[in-house]
Amino acid sequence: MEGEVIMSRNSIETVGVRYTGWAALNRDPLEDRVEFTCPQCGEQGTKAARRPRAAYHFTDGFVQDLEGEATTCRSCKNSLRVVPVVMLHDQDEKRRFQAVFALDPISNN
């Protein structure tokens, strides 16, 4: 095995969001992007959504693609696995998603 190079690079997982309908009013309707944040460097990124909307299923209160997508952070060049990709259709879903996936828990007291 001398002289052989075996590349073993693990991907870091992060959650992606795909905005549609009312949640995507602030962008071009022809753009269908998945937004994510790199867990390594904190840089926000986007990539073109590749999976069809029919591949998304209702799971844990959100319409999600549990297979995810692969990408690379443009800032730190780490390989990322964006899974799950959550599809949000309106502002209420967007607020609920932000509350569920917030980094700092919010007290109800």
PDB file of N, CA and C in Angstrom:
ATOM      1  N   MET A   1       0.819  -1.188   0.000  1.00  0.00           N
ATOM      2  CA  MET A   1       0.000   0.000   0.000  1.00  0.00           C
ATOM      3  C   MET A   1       0.864   1.254   0.000  1.00  0.00           C
ATOM      4  N   GLU A   2       2.124   1.084  -0.240  1.00  0.00           N
ATOM      5  CA  GLU A   2       3.023   2.224  -0.245  1.00  0.00           C
ATOM      6  C   GLU A   2       2.743   3.102  -1.461  1.00  0.00           C
ATOM      7  N   GLY A   3       2.689   4.388  -1.258  1.00  0.00           N
ATOM      8  CA  GLY A   3       2.450   5.332  -2.336  1.00  0.00           C
ATOM      9  C   GLY A   3       0.986   5.617  -2.598  1.00  0.00           C
ATOM     10  N   GLU A   4       0.081   4.867  -1.958  1.00  0.00           N
ATOM     11  CA  GLU A   4      -1.349   5.115  -2.142  1.00  0.00           C
ATOM     12  C   GLU A   4      -1.832   6.156  -1.142  1.00  0.00           C
ATOM     13  N   VAL A   5      -2.690   7.007  -1.595  1.00  0.00           N
ATOM     14  CA  VAL A   5      -3.265   8.018  -0.723  1.00  0.00           C
ATOM     15  C   VAL A   5      -4.766   7.749  -0.622  1.00  0.00           C
ATOM     16  N   ILE A   6      -5.223   7.518   0.577  1.00  0.00           N
ATOM     17  CA  ILE A   6      -6.642   7.289   0.800  1.00  0.00           C
ATOM     18  C   ILE A   6      -7.208   8.528   1.464  1.00  0.00           C
ATOM     19  N   MET A   7      -8.165   9.157   0.786  1.00  0.00           N
ATOM     20  CA  MET A   7      -8.755  10.371   1.337  1.00  0.00           C
ATOM     21  C   MET A   7      -9.946   9.998   2.201  1.00  0.00           C
ATOM     22  N   SER A   8      -9.860  10.339   3.452  1.00  0.00           N
ATOM     23  CA  SER A   8     -10.951  10.097   4.384  1.00  0.00           C
ATOM     24  C   SER A   8     -11.335  11.431   4.999  1.00  0.00           C
ATOM     25  N   ARG A   9     -12.376  12.012   4.484  1.00  0.00           N
ATOM     26  CA  ARG A   9     -12.787  13.325   4.963  1.00  0.00           C
ATOM     27  C   ARG A   9     -14.241  13.251   5.392  1.00  0.00           C
ATOM     28  N   ASN A  10     -14.486  13.473   6.650  1.00  0.00           N
ATOM     29  CA  ASN A  10     -15.851  13.429   7.168  1.00  0.00           C
ATOM     30  C   ASN A  10     -16.538  14.772   6.967  1.00  0.00           C
ATOM     31  N   SER A  11     -17.797  14.714   6.638  1.00  0.00           N
ATOM     32  CA  SER A  11     -18.582  15.931   6.472  1.00  0.00           C
ATOM     33  C   SER A  11     -19.170  16.352   7.810  1.00  0.00           C
ATOM     34  N   ILE A  12     -19.259  17.652   8.010  1.00  0.00           N
ATOM     35  CA  ILE A  12     -19.887  18.222   9.200  1.00  0.00           C
ATOM     36  C   ILE A  12     -21.357  18.451   8.860  1.00  0.00           C
ATOM     37  N   GLU A  13     -22.250  18.095   9.786  1.00  0.00           N
ATOM     38  CA  GLU A  13     -23.682  18.253   9.526  1.00  0.00           C
ATOM     39  C   GLU A  13     -24.200  19.593  10.018  1.00  0.00           C
ATOM     40  N   THR A  14     -25.139  20.139   9.270  1.00  0.00           N
ATOM     41  CA  THR A  14     -25.805  21.379   9.633  1.00  0.00           C
ATOM     42  C   THR A  14     -27.236  21.336   9.094  1.00  0.00           C
ATOM     43  N   VAL A  15     -28.094  22.187   9.610  1.00  0.00           N
ATOM     44  CA  VAL A  15     -29.498  22.243   9.202  1.00  0.00           C
ATOM     45  C   VAL A  15     -29.641  23.264   8.077  1.00  0.00           C
ATOM     46  N   GLY A  16     -30.422  22.908   7.050  1.00  0.00           N
ATOM     47  CA  GLY A  16     -30.676  23.816   5.944  1.00  0.00           C
ATOM     48  C   GLY A  16     -32.133  24.245   5.918  1.00  0.00           C
ATOM     49  N   VAL A  17     -32.394  25.378   5.291  1.00  0.00           N
ATOM     50  CA  VAL A  17     -33.755  25.904   5.180  1.00  0.00           C
ATOM     51  C   VAL A  17     -34.013  26.248   3.719  1.00  0.00           C
ATOM     52  N   ARG A  18     -35.173  25.845   3.233  1.00  0.00           N
ATOM     53  CA  ARG A  18     -35.606  26.163   1.870  1.00  0.00           C
ATOM     54  C   ARG A  18     -36.912  26.940   1.974  1.00  0.00           C
ATOM     55  N   TYR A  19     -36.874  28.222   1.627  1.00  0.00           N
ATOM     56  CA  TYR A  19     -38.049  29.079   1.738  1.00  0.00           C
ATOM     57  C   TYR A  19     -38.869  29.021   0.452  1.00  0.00           C
ATOM     58  N   THR A  20     -40.186  28.887   0.603  1.00  0.00           N
ATOM     59  CA  THR A  20     -41.094  28.898  -0.541  1.00  0.00           C
ATOM     60  C   THR A  20     -42.279  29.799  -0.207  1.00  0.00           C
ATOM     61  N   GLY A  21     -43.064  30.119  -1.193  1.00  0.00           N
ATOM     62  CA  GLY A  21     -44.306  30.862  -0.974  1.00  0.00           C
ATOM     63  C   GLY A  21     -44.126  32.173  -0.234  1.00  0.00           C
ATOM     64  N   TRP A  22     -44.952  32.375   0.801  1.00  0.00           N
ATOM     65  CA  TRP A  22     -44.954  33.619   1.567  1.00  0.00           C
ATOM     66  C   TRP A  22     -43.668  33.836   2.339  1.00  0.00           C
ATOM     67  N   ALA A  23     -42.942  32.791   2.687  1.00  0.00           N
ATOM     68  CA  ALA A  23     -41.687  32.946   3.435  1.00  0.00           C
ATOM     69  C   ALA A  23     -40.564  33.455   2.541  1.00  0.00           C
ATOM     70  N   ALA A  24     -40.774  33.417   1.226  1.00  0.00           N
ATOM     71  CA  ALA A  24     -39.725  33.800   0.287  1.00  0.00           C
ATOM     72  C   ALA A  24     -40.060  35.075  -0.485  1.00  0.00           C
ATOM     73  N   LEU A  25     -40.830  35.950   0.108  1.00  0.00           N
ATOM     74  CA  LEU A  25     -41.255  37.162  -0.605  1.00  0.00           C
ATOM     75  C   LEU A  25     -40.117  38.130  -0.889  1.00  0.00           C
ATOM     76  N   ASN A  26     -39.020  38.046  -0.141  1.00  0.00           N
ATOM     77  CA  ASN A  26     -37.935  39.018  -0.298  1.00  0.00           C
ATOM     78  C   ASN A  26     -36.891  38.584  -1.327  1.00  0.00           C
ATOM     79  N   ARG A  27     -37.164  37.566  -2.137  1.00  0.00           N
ATOM     80  CA  ARG A  27     -36.181  37.129  -3.126  1.00  0.00           C
ATOM     81  C   ARG A  27     -36.846  36.860  -4.472  1.00  0.00           C
ATOM     82  N   ASP A  28     -36.027  36.678  -5.485  1.00  0.00           N
ATOM     83  CA  ASP A  28     -36.493  36.367  -6.826  1.00  0.00           C
ATOM     84  C   ASP A  28     -37.226  35.024  -6.820  1.00  0.00           C
ATOM     85  N   PRO A  29     -38.443  34.956  -7.325  1.00  0.00           N
ATOM     86  CA  PRO A  29     -39.194  33.696  -7.284  1.00  0.00           C
ATOM     87  C   PRO A  29     -38.568  32.571  -8.101  1.00  0.00           C
ATOM     88  N   LEU A  30     -37.701  32.887  -9.028  1.00  0.00           N
ATOM     89  CA  LEU A  30     -37.038  31.847  -9.814  1.00  0.00           C
ATOM     90  C   LEU A  30     -35.863  31.215  -9.076  1.00  0.00           C
ATOM     91  N   GLU A  31     -35.373  31.878  -8.051  1.00  0.00           N
ATOM     92  CA  GLU A  31     -34.286  31.317  -7.250  1.00  0.00           C
ATOM     93  C   GLU A  31     -34.867  30.305  -6.269  1.00  0.00           C
ATOM     94  N   ASP A  32     -34.339  29.121  -6.263  1.00  0.00           N
ATOM     95  CA  ASP A  32     -34.764  28.096  -5.317  1.00  0.00           C
ATOM     96  C   ASP A  32     -33.512  27.660  -4.571  1.00  0.00           C
ATOM     97  N   ARG A  33     -33.251  28.272  -3.424  1.00  0.00           N
ATOM     98  CA  ARG A  33     -32.002  28.097  -2.699  1.00  0.00           C
ATOM     99  C   ARG A  33     -32.222  27.408  -1.360  1.00  0.00           C
ATOM    100  N   VAL A  34     -31.187  26.714  -0.900  1.00  0.00           N
ATOM    101  CA  VAL A  34     -31.137  26.160   0.446  1.00  0.00           C
ATOM    102  C   VAL A  34     -30.155  27.027   1.226  1.00  0.00           C
ATOM    103  N   GLU A  35     -30.592  27.576   2.347  1.00  0.00           N
ATOM    104  CA  GLU A  35     -29.738  28.410   3.193  1.00  0.00           C
ATOM    105  C   GLU A  35     -29.252  27.587   4.375  1.00  0.00           C
ATOM    106  N   PHE A  36     -28.003  27.811   4.782  1.00  0.00           N
ATOM    107  CA  PHE A  36     -27.419  27.076   5.898  1.00  0.00           C
ATOM    108  C   PHE A  36     -26.359  27.936   6.567  1.00  0.00           C
ATOM    109  N   THR A  37     -25.938  27.534   7.770  1.00  0.00           N
ATOM    110  CA  THR A  37     -24.851  28.184   8.489  1.00  0.00           C
ATOM    111  C   THR A  37     -23.790  27.135   8.777  1.00  0.00           C
ATOM    112  N   CYS A  38     -22.544  27.431   8.453  1.00  0.00           N
ATOM    113  CA  CYS A  38     -21.446  26.495   8.690  1.00  0.00           C
ATOM    114  C   CYS A  38     -21.211  26.376  10.196  1.00  0.00           C
ATOM    115  N   PRO A  39     -21.271  25.165  10.760  1.00  0.00           N
ATOM    116  CA  PRO A  39     -21.048  25.017  12.200  1.00  0.00           C
ATOM    117  C   PRO A  39     -19.593  25.216  12.599  1.00  0.00           C
ATOM    118  N   GLN A  40     -18.679  25.157  11.647  1.00  0.00           N
ATOM    119  CA  GLN A  40     -17.247  25.319  11.935  1.00  0.00           C
ATOM    120  C   GLN A  40     -16.856  26.790  12.082  1.00  0.00           C
ATOM    121  N   CYS A  41     -17.242  27.617  11.088  1.00  0.00           N
ATOM    122  CA  CYS A  41     -16.798  29.015  11.102  1.00  0.00           C
ATOM    123  C   CYS A  41     -17.938  30.006  11.314  1.00  0.00           C
ATOM    124  N   GLY A  42     -19.199  29.559  11.246  1.00  0.00           N
ATOM    125  CA  GLY A  42     -20.335  30.443  11.469  1.00  0.00           C
ATOM    126  C   GLY A  42     -20.770  31.234  10.249  1.00  0.00           C
ATOM    127  N   GLU A  43     -20.123  31.044   9.118  1.00  0.00           N
ATOM    128  CA  GLU A  43     -20.456  31.757   7.885  1.00  0.00           C
ATOM    129  C   GLU A  43     -21.783  31.237   7.326  1.00  0.00           C
ATOM    130  N   GLN A  44     -22.646  32.157   6.873  1.00  0.00           N
ATOM    131  CA  GLN A  44     -23.909  31.759   6.265  1.00  0.00           C
ATOM    132  C   GLN A  44     -23.673  31.516   4.783  1.00  0.00           C
ATOM    133  N   GLY A  45     -24.325  30.488   4.261  1.00  0.00           N
ATOM    134  CA  GLY A  45     -24.149  30.159   2.858  1.00  0.00           C
ATOM    135  C   GLY A  45     -25.454  29.741   2.226  1.00  0.00           C
ATOM    136  N   THR A  46     -25.440  29.657   0.903  1.00  0.00           N
ATOM    137  CA  THR A  46     -26.593  29.176   0.150  1.00  0.00           C
ATOM    138  C   THR A  46     -26.101  28.250  -0.947  1.00  0.00           C
ATOM    139  N   LYS A  47     -26.995  27.407  -1.406  1.00  0.00           N
ATOM    140  CA  LYS A  47     -26.709  26.564  -2.552  1.00  0.00           C
ATOM    141  C   LYS A  47     -28.015  26.327  -3.285  1.00  0.00           C
ATOM    142  N   ALA A  48     -27.909  25.987  -4.542  1.00  0.00           N
ATOM    143  CA  ALA A  48     -29.104  25.699  -5.326  1.00  0.00           C
ATOM    144  C   ALA A  48     -29.756  24.420  -4.802  1.00  0.00           C
ATOM    145  N   ALA A  49     -31.066  24.458  -4.621  1.00  0.00           N
ATOM    146  CA  ALA A  49     -31.795  23.274  -4.174  1.00  0.00           C
ATOM    147  C   ALA A  49     -31.827  22.279  -5.326  1.00  0.00           C
ATOM    148  N   ARG A  50     -31.450  21.048  -5.048  1.00  0.00           N
ATOM    149  CA  ARG A  50     -31.385  20.048  -6.117  1.00  0.00           C
ATOM    150  C   ARG A  50     -32.502  19.037  -6.049  1.00  0.00           C
ATOM    151  N   ARG A  51     -32.991  18.770  -4.861  1.00  0.00           N
ATOM    152  CA  ARG A  51     -34.021  17.729  -4.715  1.00  0.00           C
ATOM    153  C   ARG A  51     -35.399  18.318  -5.001  1.00  0.00           C
ATOM    154  N   PRO A  52     -36.259  17.552  -5.655  1.00  0.00           N
ATOM    155  CA  PRO A  52     -37.611  18.060  -5.956  1.00  0.00           C
ATOM    156  C   PRO A  52     -38.431  18.208  -4.687  1.00  0.00           C
ATOM    157  N   ARG A  53     -39.393  19.086  -4.729  1.00  0.00           N
ATOM    158  CA  ARG A  53     -40.242  19.326  -3.552  1.00  0.00           C
ATOM    159  C   ARG A  53     -41.027  18.082  -3.162  1.00  0.00           C
ATOM    160  N   ALA A  54     -41.264  17.188  -4.107  1.00  0.00           N
ATOM    161  CA  ALA A  54     -41.986  15.947  -3.811  1.00  0.00           C
ATOM    162  C   ALA A  54     -41.172  15.013  -2.904  1.00  0.00           C
ATOM    163  N   ALA A  55     -39.874  15.219  -2.787  1.00  0.00           N
ATOM    164  CA  ALA A  55     -39.020  14.386  -1.937  1.00  0.00           C
ATOM    165  C   ALA A  55     -39.108  14.789  -0.469  1.00  0.00           C
ATOM    166  N   TYR A  56     -39.805  15.886  -0.168  1.00  0.00           N
ATOM    167  CA  TYR A  56     -39.948  16.364   1.201  1.00  0.00           C
ATOM    168  C   TYR A  56     -41.157  15.703   1.850  1.00  0.00           C
ATOM    169  N   HIS A  57     -41.030  15.358   3.123  1.00  0.00           N
ATOM    170  CA  HIS A  57     -42.110  14.689   3.855  1.00  0.00           C
ATOM    171  C   HIS A  57     -42.337  15.385   5.188  1.00  0.00           C
ATOM    172  N   PHE A  58     -43.578  15.313   5.683  1.00  0.00           N
ATOM    173  CA  PHE A  58     -43.919  15.921   6.965  1.00  0.00           C
ATOM    174  C   PHE A  58     -43.348  15.058   8.096  1.00  0.00           C
ATOM    175  N   THR A  59     -42.389  15.615   8.835  1.00  0.00           N
ATOM    176  CA  THR A  59     -41.724  14.907   9.929  1.00  0.00           C
ATOM    177  C   THR A  59     -41.456  15.889  11.058  1.00  0.00           C
ATOM    178  N   ASP A  60     -41.789  15.509  12.280  1.00  0.00           N
ATOM    179  CA  ASP A  60     -41.507  16.326  13.468  1.00  0.00           C
ATOM    180  C   ASP A  60     -42.054  17.746  13.369  1.00  0.00           C
ATOM    181  N   GLY A  61     -43.214  17.905  12.759  1.00  0.00           N
ATOM    182  CA  GLY A  61     -43.864  19.206  12.717  1.00  0.00           C
ATOM    183  C   GLY A  61     -43.465  20.096  11.558  1.00  0.00           C
ATOM    184  N   PHE A  62     -42.546  19.655  10.702  1.00  0.00           N
ATOM    185  CA  PHE A  62     -42.113  20.450   9.551  1.00  0.00           C
ATOM    186  C   PHE A  62     -42.048  19.562   8.317  1.00  0.00           C
ATOM    187  N   VAL A  63     -42.147  20.169   7.136  1.00  0.00           N
ATOM    188  CA  VAL A  63     -41.936  19.445   5.885  1.00  0.00           C
ATOM    189  C   VAL A  63     -40.423  19.442   5.653  1.00  0.00           C
ATOM    190  N   GLN A  64     -39.818  18.233   5.619  1.00  0.00           N
ATOM    191  CA  GLN A  64     -38.365  18.123   5.590  1.00  0.00           C
ATOM    192  C   GLN A  64     -37.888  17.115   4.551  1.00  0.00           C
ATOM    193  N   ASP A  65     -36.663  17.334   4.099  1.00  0.00           N
ATOM    194  CA  ASP A  65     -35.937  16.358   3.293  1.00  0.00           C
ATOM    195  C   ASP A  65     -34.880  15.770   4.220  1.00  0.00           C
ATOM    196  N   LEU A  66     -35.065  14.525   4.633  1.00  0.00           N
ATOM    197  CA  LEU A  66     -34.153  13.909   5.597  1.00  0.00           C
ATOM    198  C   LEU A  66     -32.901  13.323   4.953  1.00  0.00           C
ATOM    199  N   GLU A  67     -32.855  13.262   3.620  1.00  0.00           N
ATOM    200  CA  GLU A  67     -31.650  12.784   2.947  1.00  0.00           C
ATOM    201  C   GLU A  67     -30.613  13.896   2.831  1.00  0.00           C
ATOM    202  N   GLY A  68     -31.073  15.132   2.706  1.00  0.00           N
ATOM    203  CA  GLY A  68     -30.177  16.283   2.699  1.00  0.00           C
ATOM    204  C   GLY A  68     -29.392  16.450   1.417  1.00  0.00           C
ATOM    205  N   GLU A  69     -28.446  17.377   1.475  1.00  0.00           N
ATOM    206  CA  GLU A  69     -27.607  17.707   0.330  1.00  0.00           C
ATOM    207  C   GLU A  69     -26.187  17.939   0.805  1.00  0.00           C
ATOM    208  N   ALA A  70     -25.244  17.780  -0.100  1.00  0.00           N
ATOM    209  CA  ALA A  70     -23.833  17.991   0.230  1.00  0.00           C
ATOM    210  C   ALA A  70     -23.361  19.304  -0.389  1.00  0.00           C
ATOM    211  N   THR A  71     -22.470  19.991   0.323  1.00  0.00           N
ATOM    212  CA  THR A  71     -21.908  21.241  -0.180  1.00  0.00           C
ATOM    213  C   THR A  71     -20.568  21.489   0.504  1.00  0.00           C
ATOM    214  N   THR A  72     -19.942  22.593   0.174  1.00  0.00           N
ATOM    215  CA  THR A  72     -18.686  23.001   0.793  1.00  0.00           C
ATOM    216  C   THR A  72     -18.826  24.436   1.264  1.00  0.00           C
ATOM    217  N   CYS A  73     -18.347  24.711   2.474  1.00  0.00           N
ATOM    218  CA  CYS A  73     -18.368  26.087   2.988  1.00  0.00           C
ATOM    219  C   CYS A  73     -17.393  26.916   2.162  1.00  0.00           C
ATOM    220  N   ARG A  74     -17.839  28.044   1.679  1.00  0.00           N
ATOM    221  CA  ARG A  74     -16.977  28.895   0.852  1.00  0.00           C
ATOM    222  C   ARG A  74     -15.950  29.655   1.675  1.00  0.00           C
ATOM    223  N   SER A  75     -16.171  29.741   2.981  1.00  0.00           N
ATOM    224  CA  SER A  75     -15.256  30.471   3.851  1.00  0.00           C
ATOM    225  C   SER A  75     -14.110  29.589   4.352  1.00  0.00           C
ATOM    226  N   CYS A  76     -14.463  28.475   5.018  1.00  0.00           N
ATOM    227  CA  CYS A  76     -13.420  27.625   5.624  1.00  0.00           C
ATOM    228  C   CYS A  76     -13.120  26.373   4.802  1.00  0.00           C
ATOM    229  N   LYS A  77     -13.828  26.172   3.700  1.00  0.00           N
ATOM    230  CA  LYS A  77     -13.608  25.062   2.762  1.00  0.00           C
ATOM    231  C   LYS A  77     -13.888  23.678   3.347  1.00  0.00           C
ATOM    232  N   ASN A  78     -14.641  23.598   4.456  1.00  0.00           N
ATOM    233  CA  ASN A  78     -15.007  22.305   5.018  1.00  0.00           C
ATOM    234  C   ASN A  78     -16.155  21.698   4.236  1.00  0.00           C
ATOM    235  N   SER A  79     -16.148  20.388   4.145  1.00  0.00           N
ATOM    236  CA  SER A  79     -17.229  19.650   3.503  1.00  0.00           C
ATOM    237  C   SER A  79     -18.407  19.594   4.463  1.00  0.00           C
ATOM    238  N   LEU A  80     -19.599  19.966   3.981  1.00  0.00           N
ATOM    239  CA  LEU A  80     -20.794  20.013   4.822  1.00  0.00           C
ATOM    240  C   LEU A  80     -21.864  19.081   4.281  1.00  0.00           C
ATOM    241  N   ARG A  81     -22.580  18.499   5.196  1.00  0.00           N
ATOM    242  CA  ARG A  81     -23.780  17.723   4.847  1.00  0.00           C
ATOM    243  C   ARG A  81     -24.955  18.495   5.427  1.00  0.00           C
ATOM    244  N   VAL A  82     -25.788  19.067   4.557  1.00  0.00           N
ATOM    245  CA  VAL A  82     -26.935  19.868   4.969  1.00  0.00           C
ATOM    246  C   VAL A  82     -28.118  18.914   5.124  1.00  0.00           C
ATOM    247  N   VAL A  83     -28.383  18.522   6.373  1.00  0.00           N
ATOM    248  CA  VAL A  83     -29.442  17.562   6.654  1.00  0.00           C
ATOM    249  C   VAL A  83     -29.997  17.820   8.043  1.00  0.00           C
ATOM    250  N   PRO A  84     -31.239  17.928   8.283  1.00  0.00           N
ATOM    251  CA  PRO A  84     -32.316  17.944   7.300  1.00  0.00           C
ATOM    252  C   PRO A  84     -32.409  19.300   6.606  1.00  0.00           C
ATOM    253  N   VAL A  85     -33.085  19.307   5.478  1.00  0.00           N
ATOM    254  CA  VAL A  85     -33.439  20.554   4.816  1.00  0.00           C
ATOM    255  C   VAL A  85     -34.922  20.766   5.090  1.00  0.00           C
ATOM    256  N   VAL A  86     -35.242  21.844   5.790  1.00  0.00           N
ATOM    257  CA  VAL A  86     -36.619  22.121   6.207  1.00  0.00           C
ATOM    258  C   VAL A  86     -37.231  23.122   5.228  1.00  0.00           C
ATOM    259  N   MET A  87     -38.404  22.781   4.689  1.00  0.00           N
ATOM    260  CA  MET A  87     -39.099  23.674   3.770  1.00  0.00           C
ATOM    261  C   MET A  87     -40.097  24.515   4.556  1.00  0.00           C
ATOM    262  N   LEU A  88     -39.974  25.836   4.457  1.00  0.00           N
ATOM    263  CA  LEU A  88     -40.866  26.757   5.159  1.00  0.00           C
ATOM    264  C   LEU A  88     -41.673  27.538   4.137  1.00  0.00           C
ATOM    265  N   HIS A  89     -42.997  27.548   4.315  1.00  0.00           N
ATOM    266  CA  HIS A  89     -43.881  28.157   3.318  1.00  0.00           C
ATOM    267  C   HIS A  89     -44.405  29.539   3.713  1.00  0.00           C
ATOM    268  N   ASP A  90     -44.581  29.807   5.008  1.00  0.00           N
ATOM    269  CA  ASP A  90     -45.117  31.112   5.387  1.00  0.00           C
ATOM    270  C   ASP A  90     -44.391  31.658   6.616  1.00  0.00           C
ATOM    271  N   GLN A  91     -44.746  32.891   6.998  1.00  0.00           N
ATOM    272  CA  GLN A  91     -44.052  33.568   8.092  1.00  0.00           C
ATOM    273  C   GLN A  91     -44.259  32.861   9.439  1.00  0.00           C
ATOM    274  N   ASP A  92     -45.434  32.237   9.648  1.00  0.00           N
ATOM    275  CA  ASP A  92     -45.677  31.510  10.900  1.00  0.00           C
ATOM    276  C   ASP A  92     -44.752  30.301  11.019  1.00  0.00           C
ATOM    277  N   GLU A  93     -44.589  29.556   9.931  1.00  0.00           N
ATOM    278  CA  GLU A  93     -43.663  28.423   9.941  1.00  0.00           C
ATOM    279  C   GLU A  93     -42.228  28.902  10.169  1.00  0.00           C
ATOM    280  N   LYS A  94     -41.891  30.033   9.568  1.00  0.00           N
ATOM    281  CA  LYS A  94     -40.549  30.597   9.716  1.00  0.00           C
ATOM    282  C   LYS A  94     -40.277  30.942  11.181  1.00  0.00           C
ATOM    283  N   ARG A  95     -41.235  31.578  11.859  1.00  0.00           N
ATOM    284  CA  ARG A  95     -41.071  31.930  13.280  1.00  0.00           C
ATOM    285  C   ARG A  95     -40.991  30.678  14.151  1.00  0.00           C
ATOM    286  N   ARG A  96     -41.830  29.690  13.847  1.00  0.00           N
ATOM    287  CA  ARG A  96     -41.829  28.451  14.619  1.00  0.00           C
ATOM    288  C   ARG A  96     -40.500  27.706  14.455  1.00  0.00           C
ATOM    289  N   PHE A  97     -39.984  27.677  13.225  1.00  0.00           N
ATOM    290  CA  PHE A  97     -38.693  27.036  12.971  1.00  0.00           C
ATOM    291  C   PHE A  97     -37.580  27.742  13.747  1.00  0.00           C
ATOM    292  N   GLN A  98     -37.570  29.061  13.720  1.00  0.00           N
ATOM    293  CA  GLN A  98     -36.545  29.823  14.432  1.00  0.00           C
ATOM    294  C   GLN A  98     -36.625  29.587  15.928  1.00  0.00           C
ATOM    295  N   ALA A  99     -37.831  29.421  16.472  1.00  0.00           N
ATOM    296  CA  ALA A  99     -37.987  29.142  17.900  1.00  0.00           C
ATOM    297  C   ALA A  99     -37.490  27.742  18.252  1.00  0.00           C
ATOM    298  N   VAL A 100     -37.770  26.760  17.392  1.00  0.00           N
ATOM    299  CA  VAL A 100     -37.359  25.376  17.666  1.00  0.00           C
ATOM    300  C   VAL A 100     -35.857  25.206  17.526  1.00  0.00           C
ATOM    301  N   PHE A 101     -35.251  25.820  16.513  1.00  0.00           N
ATOM    302  CA  PHE A 101     -33.836  25.639  16.242  1.00  0.00           C
ATOM    303  C   PHE A 101     -32.965  26.777  16.748  1.00  0.00           C
ATOM    304  N   ALA A 102     -33.489  27.600  17.668  1.00  0.00           N
ATOM    305  CA  ALA A 102     -32.699  28.697  18.239  1.00  0.00           C
ATOM    306  C   ALA A 102     -31.544  28.124  19.061  1.00  0.00           C
ATOM    307  N   LEU A 103     -30.404  28.825  19.006  1.00  0.00           N
ATOM    308  CA  LEU A 103     -29.227  28.385  19.770  1.00  0.00           C
ATOM    309  C   LEU A 103     -29.391  28.623  21.257  1.00  0.00           C
ATOM    310  N   ASP A 104     -30.051  29.728  21.619  1.00  0.00           N
ATOM    311  CA  ASP A 104     -30.281  30.052  23.032  1.00  0.00           C
ATOM    312  C   ASP A 104     -31.738  29.758  23.366  1.00  0.00           C
ATOM    313  N   PRO A 105     -31.986  28.860  24.304  1.00  0.00           N
ATOM    314  CA  PRO A 105     -33.380  28.582  24.670  1.00  0.00           C
ATOM    315  C   PRO A 105     -34.059  29.802  25.273  1.00  0.00           C
ATOM    316  N   ILE A 106     -35.327  29.989  24.949  1.00  0.00           N
ATOM    317  CA  ILE A 106     -36.096  31.121  25.445  1.00  0.00           C
ATOM    318  C   ILE A 106     -36.967  30.636  26.600  1.00  0.00           C
ATOM    319  N   SER A 107     -36.902  31.312  27.733  1.00  0.00           N
ATOM    320  CA  SER A 107     -37.692  30.930  28.900  1.00  0.00           C
ATOM    321  C   SER A 107     -39.115  31.428  28.742  1.00  0.00           C
ATOM    322  N   ASN A 108     -40.074  30.613  29.159  1.00  0.00           N
ATOM    323  CA  ASN A 108     -41.485  31.006  29.129  1.00  0.00           C
ATOM    324  C   ASN A 108     -41.921  31.660  30.414  1.00  0.00           C
ATOM    325  N   ASN A 109     -41.027  31.839  31.371  1.00  0.00           N
ATOM    326  CA  ASN A 109     -41.369  32.419  32.681  1.00  0.00           C
ATOM    327  C   ASN A 109     -41.358  33.916  32.628  1.00  0.00           C
TER     328      ASN A 109
END
